[in-house]
Amino acid sequence: MTRQVVETVLSSGALLSAPLLWAALGEAINEQAGVINVGIEGVMLFGAFGAAVGVQHFHSLAAGLVAGAATGLLSGVILSYLYVNRGTDQIVTGILFNILILGATTALYEKYLSAVVPSMSFHPAHIPLLGRIPVVGPSLFYQPVLSYAVLACALIVLYLMRRTWVGLHLRAVGERPEVGDSVGLSVVRLRWFALVCGCVLTAIGGAALVLTQTGGFIPDVTSGQGYIALAIVILARWNPAGAILAAALFGFAAALQFQLQSTAAVAFVPRDVWLSVPYVLTLLVVVVTAGAGYPRGVGVPYRRS
């Protein structure tokens, strides 16, 4: 590869990995508290739609980000009630939520956003000194602010989940909710807290798609990235630091397949083959990590005996 190609892949990979990492951090919090949110795809899509509406209505990137996060808050409340209070099947409920959000955002897009010109986007920002590193500097350290913010968020989540009583309590109700309940922990409140926080982070990941990549909303803009985030969580073993590396793997794989589509040496390969690369990688991750140790209570509604 030439230097220009390497820089392009690195820059695009870092940009593409940020939304995945936002969503993976949210899902890691959910699952460590005992809830697997298959509706992550719908939450991301809802966040993307909210960001586009916020920017269009208020003409502000900050407003778009807040609106995207607000959709995550709303999603968290809805899903918490269904998963935790009603004890619905988390897989089926999550899939239905994805279908509902896809249909709703598509219909609303046709009515309110289809004639709207592309919205504003966050501009890349240099990091002093690091941006001067040859090849890597101009690529990895010239990114939108949301790409830097998600790295800081990953470290914060890592600290909260591993070094504070909040994380200890969340992990306790994720592993053995009956034991946590017996010592006075509120399983319902802790899982509500985890789901709402997780959905807000996931929705910010969807908002990042609009605010840093596409510049506007299009139907099904997430294109399965929520499901990829689920695989990232498993590959990272629910470790936020590992999620950074896992998200980077998927981001750079996506960037590489975009680059290969325009490479003359492999022009004979159909475009659809390259487009399938991230999803094939997701399947491989699921197969390789089949023995990954989920928290014991994940996916199981808790009822006090």
C-alpha atoms as a PDB file:
ATOM      1  CA  MET A   1       0.000   0.000   0.000  1.00  0.00           C
ATOM      2  CA  THR A   2       1.114   3.550  -0.646  1.00  0.00           C
ATOM      3  CA  ARG A   3       1.404   6.037   2.182  1.00  0.00           C
ATOM      4  CA  GLN A   4      -1.707   7.862   0.992  1.00  0.00           C
ATOM      5  CA  VAL A   5      -3.765   4.670   1.043  1.00  0.00           C
ATOM      6  CA  VAL A   6      -2.556   3.815   4.550  1.00  0.00           C
ATOM      7  CA  GLU A   7      -3.416   7.301   5.804  1.00  0.00           C
ATOM      8  CA  THR A   8      -6.860   7.091   4.205  1.00  0.00           C
ATOM      9  CA  VAL A   9      -7.611   3.703   5.770  1.00  0.00           C
ATOM     10  CA  LEU A  10      -6.412   4.840   9.201  1.00  0.00           C
ATOM     11  CA  SER A  11      -8.372   8.082   9.072  1.00  0.00           C
ATOM     12  CA  SER A  12     -11.568   6.461   7.810  1.00  0.00           C
ATOM     13  CA  GLY A  13     -11.224   3.538  10.200  1.00  0.00           C
ATOM     14  CA  ALA A  14     -10.958   5.816  13.228  1.00  0.00           C
ATOM     15  CA  LEU A  15     -13.999   7.775  12.049  1.00  0.00           C
ATOM     16  CA  LEU A  16     -16.079   4.647  11.400  1.00  0.00           C
ATOM     17  CA  SER A  17     -15.167   3.005  14.698  1.00  0.00           C
ATOM     18  CA  ALA A  18     -16.381   5.861  16.937  1.00  0.00           C
ATOM     19  CA  PRO A  19     -20.164   5.215  16.589  1.00  0.00           C
ATOM     20  CA  LEU A  20     -19.559   1.493  17.128  1.00  0.00           C
ATOM     21  CA  LEU A  21     -17.618   2.212  20.299  1.00  0.00           C
ATOM     22  CA  TRP A  22     -20.329   4.517  21.676  1.00  0.00           C
ATOM     23  CA  ALA A  23     -22.905   1.756  21.162  1.00  0.00           C
ATOM     24  CA  ALA A  24     -20.631  -0.973  22.525  1.00  0.00           C
ATOM     25  CA  LEU A  25     -19.986   0.972  25.726  1.00  0.00           C
ATOM     26  CA  GLY A  26     -23.712   1.346  26.276  1.00  0.00           C
ATOM     27  CA  GLU A  27     -24.343  -2.339  25.647  1.00  0.00           C
ATOM     28  CA  ALA A  28     -21.478  -3.356  27.945  1.00  0.00           C
ATOM     29  CA  ILE A  29     -23.174  -1.475  30.803  1.00  0.00           C
ATOM     30  CA  ASN A  30     -26.506  -3.122  29.981  1.00  0.00           C
ATOM     31  CA  GLU A  31     -25.158  -6.648  29.897  1.00  0.00           C
ATOM     32  CA  GLN A  32     -23.052  -6.333  33.022  1.00  0.00           C
ATOM     33  CA  ALA A  33     -26.266  -5.384  34.823  1.00  0.00           C
ATOM     34  CA  GLY A  34     -27.990  -8.498  33.460  1.00  0.00           C
ATOM     35  CA  VAL A  35     -29.886  -7.142  30.439  1.00  0.00           C
ATOM     36  CA  ILE A  36     -29.047  -7.954  26.818  1.00  0.00           C
ATOM     37  CA  ASN A  37     -30.476  -5.206  24.650  1.00  0.00           C
ATOM     38  CA  VAL A  38     -30.971  -6.604  21.162  1.00  0.00           C
ATOM     39  CA  GLY A  39     -32.878  -3.369  20.498  1.00  0.00           C
ATOM     40  CA  ILE A  40     -29.517  -1.603  20.276  1.00  0.00           C
ATOM     41  CA  GLU A  41     -29.946  -1.244  16.500  1.00  0.00           C
ATOM     42  CA  GLY A  42     -33.226   0.601  16.984  1.00  0.00           C
ATOM     43  CA  VAL A  43     -31.738   2.816  19.696  1.00  0.00           C
ATOM     44  CA  MET A  44     -28.875   3.820  17.382  1.00  0.00           C
ATOM     45  CA  LEU A  45     -31.283   4.523  14.533  1.00  0.00           C
ATOM     46  CA  PHE A  46     -33.531   6.572  16.822  1.00  0.00           C
ATOM     47  CA  GLY A  47     -30.488   8.553  17.979  1.00  0.00           C
ATOM     48  CA  ALA A  48     -29.489   9.281  14.391  1.00  0.00           C
ATOM     49  CA  PHE A  49     -32.986  10.487  13.585  1.00  0.00           C
ATOM     50  CA  GLY A  50     -33.131  12.643  16.720  1.00  0.00           C
ATOM     51  CA  ALA A  51     -29.793  14.258  15.864  1.00  0.00           C
ATOM     52  CA  ALA A  52     -30.960  15.106  12.335  1.00  0.00           C
ATOM     53  CA  VAL A  53     -34.190  16.626  13.650  1.00  0.00           C
ATOM     54  CA  GLY A  54     -32.330  18.615  16.307  1.00  0.00           C
ATOM     55  CA  VAL A  55     -29.896  20.090  13.809  1.00  0.00           C
ATOM     56  CA  GLN A  56     -32.644  20.863  11.322  1.00  0.00           C
ATOM     57  CA  HIS A  57     -34.877  22.545  13.887  1.00  0.00           C
ATOM     58  CA  PHE A  58     -32.287  24.464  15.947  1.00  0.00           C
ATOM     59  CA  HIS A  59     -29.477  24.793  13.349  1.00  0.00           C
ATOM     60  CA  SER A  60     -26.970  23.709  15.975  1.00  0.00           C
ATOM     61  CA  LEU A  61     -24.713  20.672  16.213  1.00  0.00           C
ATOM     62  CA  ALA A  62     -24.936  20.777  20.004  1.00  0.00           C
ATOM     63  CA  ALA A  63     -28.736  20.713  19.783  1.00  0.00           C
ATOM     64  CA  GLY A  64     -28.520  17.733  17.447  1.00  0.00           C
ATOM     65  CA  LEU A  65     -26.315  15.880  19.910  1.00  0.00           C
ATOM     66  CA  VAL A  66     -28.662  16.665  22.809  1.00  0.00           C
ATOM     67  CA  ALA A  67     -31.691  15.597  20.766  1.00  0.00           C
ATOM     68  CA  GLY A  68     -29.962  12.333  19.856  1.00  0.00           C
ATOM     69  CA  ALA A  69     -29.136  11.662  23.519  1.00  0.00           C
ATOM     70  CA  ALA A  70     -32.751  12.473  24.459  1.00  0.00           C
ATOM     71  CA  THR A  71     -34.008   9.735  22.147  1.00  0.00           C
ATOM     72  CA  GLY A  72     -31.697   7.372  24.009  1.00  0.00           C
ATOM     73  CA  LEU A  73     -33.248   8.463  27.292  1.00  0.00           C
ATOM     74  CA  LEU A  74     -36.727   7.800  25.907  1.00  0.00           C
ATOM     75  CA  SER A  75     -35.650   4.429  24.496  1.00  0.00           C
ATOM     76  CA  GLY A  76     -34.119   3.491  27.835  1.00  0.00           C
ATOM     77  CA  VAL A  77     -37.341   4.263  29.683  1.00  0.00           C
ATOM     78  CA  ILE A  78     -39.449   2.228  27.238  1.00  0.00           C
ATOM     79  CA  LEU A  79     -37.111  -0.757  27.171  1.00  0.00           C
ATOM     80  CA  SER A  80     -36.553  -0.697  30.943  1.00  0.00           C
ATOM     81  CA  TYR A  81     -40.283  -0.911  31.539  1.00  0.00           C
ATOM     82  CA  LEU A  82     -40.592  -3.824  29.104  1.00  0.00           C
ATOM     83  CA  TYR A  83     -37.449  -5.731  30.082  1.00  0.00           C
ATOM     84  CA  VAL A  84     -37.353  -5.090  33.816  1.00  0.00           C
ATOM     85  CA  ASN A  85     -40.871  -4.327  35.014  1.00  0.00           C
ATOM     86  CA  ARG A  86     -42.873  -6.468  32.623  1.00  0.00           C
ATOM     87  CA  GLY A  87     -40.241  -9.202  32.282  1.00  0.00           C
ATOM     88  CA  THR A  88     -40.713  -9.615  28.538  1.00  0.00           C
ATOM     89  CA  ASP A  89     -38.413 -11.804  26.480  1.00  0.00           C
ATOM     90  CA  GLN A  90     -35.429  -9.574  25.836  1.00  0.00           C
ATOM     91  CA  ILE A  91     -34.531 -11.056  22.444  1.00  0.00           C
ATOM     92  CA  VAL A  92     -38.040 -10.866  20.986  1.00  0.00           C
ATOM     93  CA  THR A  93     -38.749  -7.457  22.502  1.00  0.00           C
ATOM     94  CA  GLY A  94     -35.480  -6.046  21.176  1.00  0.00           C
ATOM     95  CA  ILE A  95     -36.161  -7.294  17.648  1.00  0.00           C
ATOM     96  CA  LEU A  96     -39.666  -5.849  17.692  1.00  0.00           C
ATOM     97  CA  PHE A  97     -38.299  -2.535  18.960  1.00  0.00           C
ATOM     98  CA  ASN A  98     -35.846  -2.460  16.041  1.00  0.00           C
ATOM     99  CA  ILE A  99     -38.647  -3.062  13.547  1.00  0.00           C
ATOM    100  CA  LEU A 100     -40.822  -0.393  15.172  1.00  0.00           C
ATOM    101  CA  ILE A 101     -38.086   2.254  15.093  1.00  0.00           C
ATOM    102  CA  LEU A 102     -37.125   1.405  11.506  1.00  0.00           C
ATOM    103  CA  GLY A 103     -40.719   1.819  10.348  1.00  0.00           C
ATOM    104  CA  ALA A 104     -41.349   4.947  12.409  1.00  0.00           C
ATOM    105  CA  THR A 105     -38.168   6.775  11.380  1.00  0.00           C
ATOM    106  CA  THR A 106     -38.664   5.864   7.721  1.00  0.00           C
ATOM    107  CA  ALA A 107     -42.219   7.201   7.756  1.00  0.00           C
ATOM    108  CA  LEU A 108     -41.211  10.379   9.590  1.00  0.00           C
ATOM    109  CA  TYR A 109     -38.267  10.862   7.247  1.00  0.00           C
ATOM    110  CA  GLU A 110     -40.534  10.739   4.206  1.00  0.00           C
ATOM    111  CA  LYS A 111     -42.824  13.320   5.774  1.00  0.00           C
ATOM    112  CA  TYR A 112     -40.399  15.763   7.412  1.00  0.00           C
ATOM    113  CA  LEU A 113     -36.791  15.213   6.313  1.00  0.00           C
ATOM    114  CA  SER A 114     -36.764  13.840   2.764  1.00  0.00           C
ATOM    115  CA  ALA A 115     -36.635  17.319   1.201  1.00  0.00           C
ATOM    116  CA  VAL A 116     -34.054  18.635   3.676  1.00  0.00           C
ATOM    117  CA  VAL A 117     -30.543  19.339   2.432  1.00  0.00           C
ATOM    118  CA  PRO A 118     -27.702  17.590   4.307  1.00  0.00           C
ATOM    119  CA  SER A 119     -27.216  19.002   7.784  1.00  0.00           C
ATOM    120  CA  MET A 120     -24.085  20.314   9.447  1.00  0.00           C
ATOM    121  CA  SER A 121     -21.254  18.078  10.638  1.00  0.00           C
ATOM    122  CA  PHE A 122     -18.520  18.352  13.226  1.00  0.00           C
ATOM    123  CA  HIS A 123     -15.247  19.366  11.608  1.00  0.00           C
ATOM    124  CA  PRO A 124     -12.057  17.424  12.375  1.00  0.00           C
ATOM    125  CA  ALA A 125      -9.767  18.910  15.004  1.00  0.00           C
ATOM    126  CA  HIS A 126      -6.002  18.477  15.361  1.00  0.00           C
ATOM    127  CA  ILE A 127      -4.376  17.281  18.571  1.00  0.00           C
ATOM    128  CA  PRO A 128      -1.162  19.263  19.097  1.00  0.00           C
ATOM    129  CA  LEU A 129       2.121  17.313  18.894  1.00  0.00           C
ATOM    130  CA  LEU A 130       0.404  13.961  18.305  1.00  0.00           C
ATOM    131  CA  GLY A 131      -0.880  15.270  14.990  1.00  0.00           C
ATOM    132  CA  ARG A 132       2.717  15.664  13.808  1.00  0.00           C
ATOM    133  CA  ILE A 133       3.555  11.968  14.008  1.00  0.00           C
ATOM    134  CA  PRO A 134       4.252  10.761  10.436  1.00  0.00           C
ATOM    135  CA  VAL A 135       1.428   8.798   8.773  1.00  0.00           C
ATOM    136  CA  VAL A 136      -0.395   8.044  12.029  1.00  0.00           C
ATOM    137  CA  GLY A 137      -0.634  11.642  13.273  1.00  0.00           C
ATOM    138  CA  PRO A 138      -2.573  13.239  10.395  1.00  0.00           C
ATOM    139  CA  SER A 139      -4.877  10.195  10.281  1.00  0.00           C
ATOM    140  CA  LEU A 140      -5.708   9.266  13.860  1.00  0.00           C
ATOM    141  CA  PHE A 141      -5.334  12.668  15.486  1.00  0.00           C
ATOM    142  CA  TYR A 142      -7.348  14.726  13.023  1.00  0.00           C
ATOM    143  CA  GLN A 143     -10.851  13.574  13.927  1.00  0.00           C
ATOM    144  CA  PRO A 144     -14.187  15.103  15.003  1.00  0.00           C
ATOM    145  CA  VAL A 145     -14.576  15.857  18.690  1.00  0.00           C
ATOM    146  CA  LEU A 146     -16.994  12.935  19.167  1.00  0.00           C
ATOM    147  CA  SER A 147     -14.227  10.517  18.186  1.00  0.00           C
ATOM    148  CA  TYR A 148     -12.022  11.861  20.972  1.00  0.00           C
ATOM    149  CA  ALA A 149     -14.896  12.067  23.449  1.00  0.00           C
ATOM    150  CA  VAL A 150     -15.750   8.382  23.086  1.00  0.00           C
ATOM    151  CA  LEU A 151     -12.212   7.410  24.134  1.00  0.00           C
ATOM    152  CA  ALA A 152     -12.547   9.494  27.282  1.00  0.00           C
ATOM    153  CA  CYS A 153     -15.989   7.970  27.860  1.00  0.00           C
ATOM    154  CA  ALA A 154     -14.531   4.454  27.581  1.00  0.00           C
ATOM    155  CA  LEU A 155     -12.006   5.222  30.317  1.00  0.00           C
ATOM    156  CA  ILE A 156     -14.727   6.717  32.524  1.00  0.00           C
ATOM    157  CA  VAL A 157     -16.960   3.673  32.062  1.00  0.00           C
ATOM    158  CA  LEU A 158     -14.006   1.385  32.802  1.00  0.00           C
ATOM    159  CA  TYR A 159     -13.298   3.237  36.050  1.00  0.00           C
ATOM    160  CA  LEU A 160     -16.952   3.337  37.123  1.00  0.00           C
ATOM    161  CA  MET A 161     -17.565  -0.349  36.398  1.00  0.00           C
ATOM    162  CA  ARG A 162     -14.345  -1.674  37.950  1.00  0.00           C
ATOM    163  CA  ARG A 163     -13.405   0.799  40.682  1.00  0.00           C
ATOM    164  CA  THR A 164     -16.606   2.184  42.205  1.00  0.00           C
ATOM    165  CA  TRP A 165     -19.529   0.853  44.212  1.00  0.00           C
ATOM    166  CA  VAL A 166     -21.833   1.703  41.294  1.00  0.00           C
ATOM    167  CA  GLY A 167     -20.071  -0.759  39.033  1.00  0.00           C
ATOM    168  CA  LEU A 168     -19.855  -3.332  41.819  1.00  0.00           C
ATOM    169  CA  HIS A 169     -23.599  -3.167  42.410  1.00  0.00           C
ATOM    170  CA  LEU A 170     -24.400  -3.344  38.686  1.00  0.00           C
ATOM    171  CA  ARG A 171     -22.183  -6.373  38.227  1.00  0.00           C
ATOM    172  CA  ALA A 172     -23.680  -7.990  41.306  1.00  0.00           C
ATOM    173  CA  VAL A 173     -27.240  -7.824  39.963  1.00  0.00           C
ATOM    174  CA  GLY A 174     -25.950  -9.010  36.591  1.00  0.00           C
ATOM    175  CA  GLU A 175     -24.289 -12.096  38.024  1.00  0.00           C
ATOM    176  CA  ARG A 176     -26.518 -13.118  40.926  1.00  0.00           C
ATOM    177  CA  PRO A 177     -29.534 -10.797  41.227  1.00  0.00           C
ATOM    178  CA  GLU A 178     -31.083 -12.881  44.017  1.00  0.00           C
ATOM    179  CA  VAL A 179     -27.948 -12.439  46.122  1.00  0.00           C
ATOM    180  CA  GLY A 180     -27.878  -8.713  45.458  1.00  0.00           C
ATOM    181  CA  ASP A 181     -31.531  -8.511  46.410  1.00  0.00           C
ATOM    182  CA  SER A 182     -30.874 -10.397  49.649  1.00  0.00           C
ATOM    183  CA  VAL A 183     -28.321  -7.805  50.785  1.00  0.00           C
ATOM    184  CA  GLY A 184     -30.590  -4.858  50.047  1.00  0.00           C
ATOM    185  CA  LEU A 185     -29.767  -3.934  46.450  1.00  0.00           C
ATOM    186  CA  SER A 186     -32.689  -2.917  44.266  1.00  0.00           C
ATOM    187  CA  VAL A 187     -32.391  -5.053  41.142  1.00  0.00           C
ATOM    188  CA  VAL A 188     -35.123  -3.063  39.395  1.00  0.00           C
ATOM    189  CA  ARG A 189     -33.563   0.338  40.063  1.00  0.00           C
ATOM    190  CA  LEU A 190     -30.042  -0.751  39.173  1.00  0.00           C
ATOM    191  CA  ARG A 191     -31.137  -2.338  35.913  1.00  0.00           C
ATOM    192  CA  TRP A 192     -33.209   0.736  35.064  1.00  0.00           C
ATOM    193  CA  PHE A 193     -30.169   2.907  35.698  1.00  0.00           C
ATOM    194  CA  ALA A 194     -27.940   0.692  33.543  1.00  0.00           C
ATOM    195  CA  LEU A 195     -30.431   0.532  30.670  1.00  0.00           C
ATOM    196  CA  VAL A 196     -31.111   4.248  30.579  1.00  0.00           C
ATOM    197  CA  CYS A 197     -27.398   5.129  30.720  1.00  0.00           C
ATOM    198  CA  GLY A 198     -26.571   2.441  28.169  1.00  0.00           C
ATOM    199  CA  CYS A 199     -29.264   3.585  25.758  1.00  0.00           C
ATOM    200  CA  VAL A 200     -28.122   7.210  26.001  1.00  0.00           C
ATOM    201  CA  LEU A 201     -24.572   6.197  25.027  1.00  0.00           C
ATOM    202  CA  THR A 202     -25.918   3.995  22.222  1.00  0.00           C
ATOM    203  CA  ALA A 203     -28.095   6.826  20.890  1.00  0.00           C
ATOM    204  CA  ILE A 204     -25.072   9.149  20.897  1.00  0.00           C
ATOM    205  CA  GLY A 205     -23.408   6.544  18.684  1.00  0.00           C
ATOM    206  CA  GLY A 206     -26.319   6.847  16.268  1.00  0.00           C
ATOM    207  CA  ALA A 207     -26.137  10.635  16.457  1.00  0.00           C
ATOM    208  CA  ALA A 208     -22.415  10.422  15.650  1.00  0.00           C
ATOM    209  CA  LEU A 209     -23.262   8.737  12.350  1.00  0.00           C
ATOM    210  CA  VAL A 210     -25.209  11.826  11.293  1.00  0.00           C
ATOM    211  CA  LEU A 211     -23.035  14.468  12.920  1.00  0.00           C
ATOM    212  CA  THR A 212     -19.648  13.152  11.758  1.00  0.00           C
ATOM    213  CA  GLN A 213     -20.222  10.941   8.695  1.00  0.00           C
ATOM    214  CA  THR A 214     -23.391  11.281   6.621  1.00  0.00           C
ATOM    215  CA  GLY A 215     -24.268  14.909   7.411  1.00  0.00           C
ATOM    216  CA  GLY A 216     -27.959  14.001   7.336  1.00  0.00           C
ATOM    217  CA  PHE A 217     -30.433  11.244   8.055  1.00  0.00           C
ATOM    218  CA  ILE A 218     -31.349   8.530   5.571  1.00  0.00           C
ATOM    219  CA  PRO A 219     -33.606   5.532   6.271  1.00  0.00           C
ATOM    220  CA  ASP A 220     -31.774   2.649   7.962  1.00  0.00           C
ATOM    221  CA  VAL A 221     -28.615   4.748   8.217  1.00  0.00           C
ATOM    222  CA  THR A 222     -27.223   2.364  10.855  1.00  0.00           C
ATOM    223  CA  SER A 223     -27.273  -0.621   8.452  1.00  0.00           C
ATOM    224  CA  GLY A 224     -26.729  -3.234  11.141  1.00  0.00           C
ATOM    225  CA  GLN A 225     -24.078  -1.378  13.135  1.00  0.00           C
ATOM    226  CA  GLY A 226     -26.000  -2.038  16.335  1.00  0.00           C
ATOM    227  CA  TYR A 227     -25.590  -5.772  15.815  1.00  0.00           C
ATOM    228  CA  ILE A 228     -21.891  -5.274  15.150  1.00  0.00           C
ATOM    229  CA  ALA A 229     -21.685  -3.436  18.481  1.00  0.00           C
ATOM    230  CA  LEU A 230     -23.150  -6.534  20.153  1.00  0.00           C
ATOM    231  CA  ALA A 231     -20.295  -8.591  18.706  1.00  0.00           C
ATOM    232  CA  ILE A 232     -17.757  -5.990  19.867  1.00  0.00           C
ATOM    233  CA  VAL A 233     -18.978  -6.345  23.452  1.00  0.00           C
ATOM    234  CA  ILE A 234     -18.486 -10.125  23.324  1.00  0.00           C
ATOM    235  CA  LEU A 235     -15.065  -9.836  21.674  1.00  0.00           C
ATOM    236  CA  ALA A 236     -13.980  -7.307  24.313  1.00  0.00           C
ATOM    237  CA  ARG A 237     -15.250  -9.547  27.141  1.00  0.00           C
ATOM    238  CA  TRP A 238     -17.316  -6.652  28.516  1.00  0.00           C
ATOM    239  CA  ASN A 239     -14.158  -4.624  29.098  1.00  0.00           C
ATOM    240  CA  PRO A 240     -14.439  -0.977  27.896  1.00  0.00           C
ATOM    241  CA  ALA A 241     -10.702  -0.846  27.201  1.00  0.00           C
ATOM    242  CA  GLY A 242     -10.968  -3.978  25.068  1.00  0.00           C
ATOM    243  CA  ALA A 243     -13.967  -2.453  23.317  1.00  0.00           C
ATOM    244  CA  ILE A 244     -11.710   0.304  21.992  1.00  0.00           C
ATOM    245  CA  LEU A 245      -9.515  -2.249  20.217  1.00  0.00           C
ATOM    246  CA  ALA A 246     -12.466  -4.341  19.041  1.00  0.00           C
ATOM    247  CA  ALA A 247     -14.273  -1.294  17.626  1.00  0.00           C
ATOM    248  CA  ALA A 248     -11.064  -0.246  15.891  1.00  0.00           C
ATOM    249  CA  LEU A 249     -10.838  -3.704  14.300  1.00  0.00           C
ATOM    250  CA  PHE A 250     -14.301  -3.375  12.791  1.00  0.00           C
ATOM    251  CA  GLY A 251     -13.771   0.266  11.842  1.00  0.00           C
ATOM    252  CA  PHE A 252     -10.543  -0.405  10.004  1.00  0.00           C
ATOM    253  CA  ALA A 253     -12.053  -3.487   8.317  1.00  0.00           C
ATOM    254  CA  ALA A 254     -14.890  -1.316   7.008  1.00  0.00           C
ATOM    255  CA  ALA A 255     -12.453   1.377   5.860  1.00  0.00           C
ATOM    256  CA  LEU A 256     -10.296  -1.203   4.105  1.00  0.00           C
ATOM    257  CA  GLN A 257     -13.237  -2.668   2.195  1.00  0.00           C
ATOM    258  CA  PHE A 258     -14.196   0.817   0.995  1.00  0.00           C
ATOM    259  CA  GLN A 259     -10.629   1.312  -0.232  1.00  0.00           C
ATOM    260  CA  LEU A 260     -10.538  -2.074  -1.966  1.00  0.00           C
ATOM    261  CA  GLN A 261     -13.667  -1.235  -3.931  1.00  0.00           C
ATOM    262  CA  SER A 262     -11.666   1.393  -5.835  1.00  0.00           C
ATOM    263  CA  THR A 263      -8.475  -0.668  -6.222  1.00  0.00           C
ATOM    264  CA  ALA A 264      -7.834  -1.740  -9.809  1.00  0.00           C
ATOM    265  CA  ALA A 265      -5.980  -4.919  -8.822  1.00  0.00           C
ATOM    266  CA  VAL A 266      -9.141  -6.415  -7.318  1.00  0.00           C
ATOM    267  CA  ALA A 267     -11.685  -4.776  -9.598  1.00  0.00           C
ATOM    268  CA  PHE A 268     -12.946  -8.212 -10.665  1.00  0.00           C
ATOM    269  CA  VAL A 269     -14.395  -8.818  -7.181  1.00  0.00           C
ATOM    270  CA  PRO A 270     -18.069  -7.759  -7.001  1.00  0.00           C
ATOM    271  CA  ARG A 271     -18.775  -4.715  -4.844  1.00  0.00           C
ATOM    272  CA  ASP A 272     -21.254  -6.666  -2.732  1.00  0.00           C
ATOM    273  CA  VAL A 273     -18.460  -8.978  -1.589  1.00  0.00           C
ATOM    274  CA  TRP A 274     -16.540  -6.063  -0.090  1.00  0.00           C
ATOM    275  CA  LEU A 275     -19.691  -4.658   1.503  1.00  0.00           C
ATOM    276  CA  SER A 276     -20.207  -7.961   3.311  1.00  0.00           C
ATOM    277  CA  VAL A 277     -16.757  -7.921   4.946  1.00  0.00           C
ATOM    278  CA  PRO A 278     -17.791  -6.255   8.266  1.00  0.00           C
ATOM    279  CA  TYR A 279     -20.749  -8.621   8.651  1.00  0.00           C
ATOM    280  CA  VAL A 280     -18.688 -11.704   7.834  1.00  0.00           C
ATOM    281  CA  LEU A 281     -16.191 -10.510  10.432  1.00  0.00           C
ATOM    282  CA  THR A 282     -19.070 -10.179  12.914  1.00  0.00           C
ATOM    283  CA  LEU A 283     -20.110 -13.798  12.288  1.00  0.00           C
ATOM    284  CA  LEU A 284     -16.520 -14.970  12.750  1.00  0.00           C
ATOM    285  CA  VAL A 285     -16.289 -13.120  16.054  1.00  0.00           C
ATOM    286  CA  VAL A 286     -19.502 -14.742  17.271  1.00  0.00           C
ATOM    287  CA  VAL A 287     -18.200 -18.188  16.294  1.00  0.00           C
ATOM    288  CA  VAL A 288     -14.747 -17.691  17.813  1.00  0.00           C
ATOM    289  CA  THR A 289     -16.142 -16.284  21.062  1.00  0.00           C
ATOM    290  CA  ALA A 290     -18.916 -18.863  21.387  1.00  0.00           C
ATOM    291  CA  GLY A 291     -17.601 -19.828  24.818  1.00  0.00           C
ATOM    292  CA  ALA A 292     -17.548 -16.264  26.130  1.00  0.00           C
ATOM    293  CA  GLY A 293     -18.775 -16.116  29.701  1.00  0.00           C
ATOM    294  CA  TYR A 294     -21.856 -13.915  29.809  1.00  0.00           C
ATOM    295  CA  PRO A 295     -22.861 -12.617  33.239  1.00  0.00           C
ATOM    296  CA  ARG A 296     -24.974 -15.369  34.809  1.00  0.00           C
ATOM    297  CA  GLY A 297     -28.118 -13.286  35.080  1.00  0.00           C
ATOM    298  CA  VAL A 298     -28.017 -11.749  31.613  1.00  0.00           C
ATOM    299  CA  GLY A 299     -31.207 -12.047  29.608  1.00  0.00           C
ATOM    300  CA  VAL A 300     -33.182 -13.534  32.519  1.00  0.00           C
ATOM    301  CA  PRO A 301     -35.988 -11.384  33.990  1.00  0.00           C
ATOM    302  CA  TYR A 302     -35.745 -11.255  37.784  1.00  0.00           C
ATOM    303  CA  ARG A 303     -38.716 -11.904  40.007  1.00  0.00           C
ATOM    304  CA  ARG A 304     -38.508 -11.743  43.779  1.00  0.00           C
ATOM    305  CA  SER A 305     -39.430 -15.084  45.318  1.00  0.00           C
END
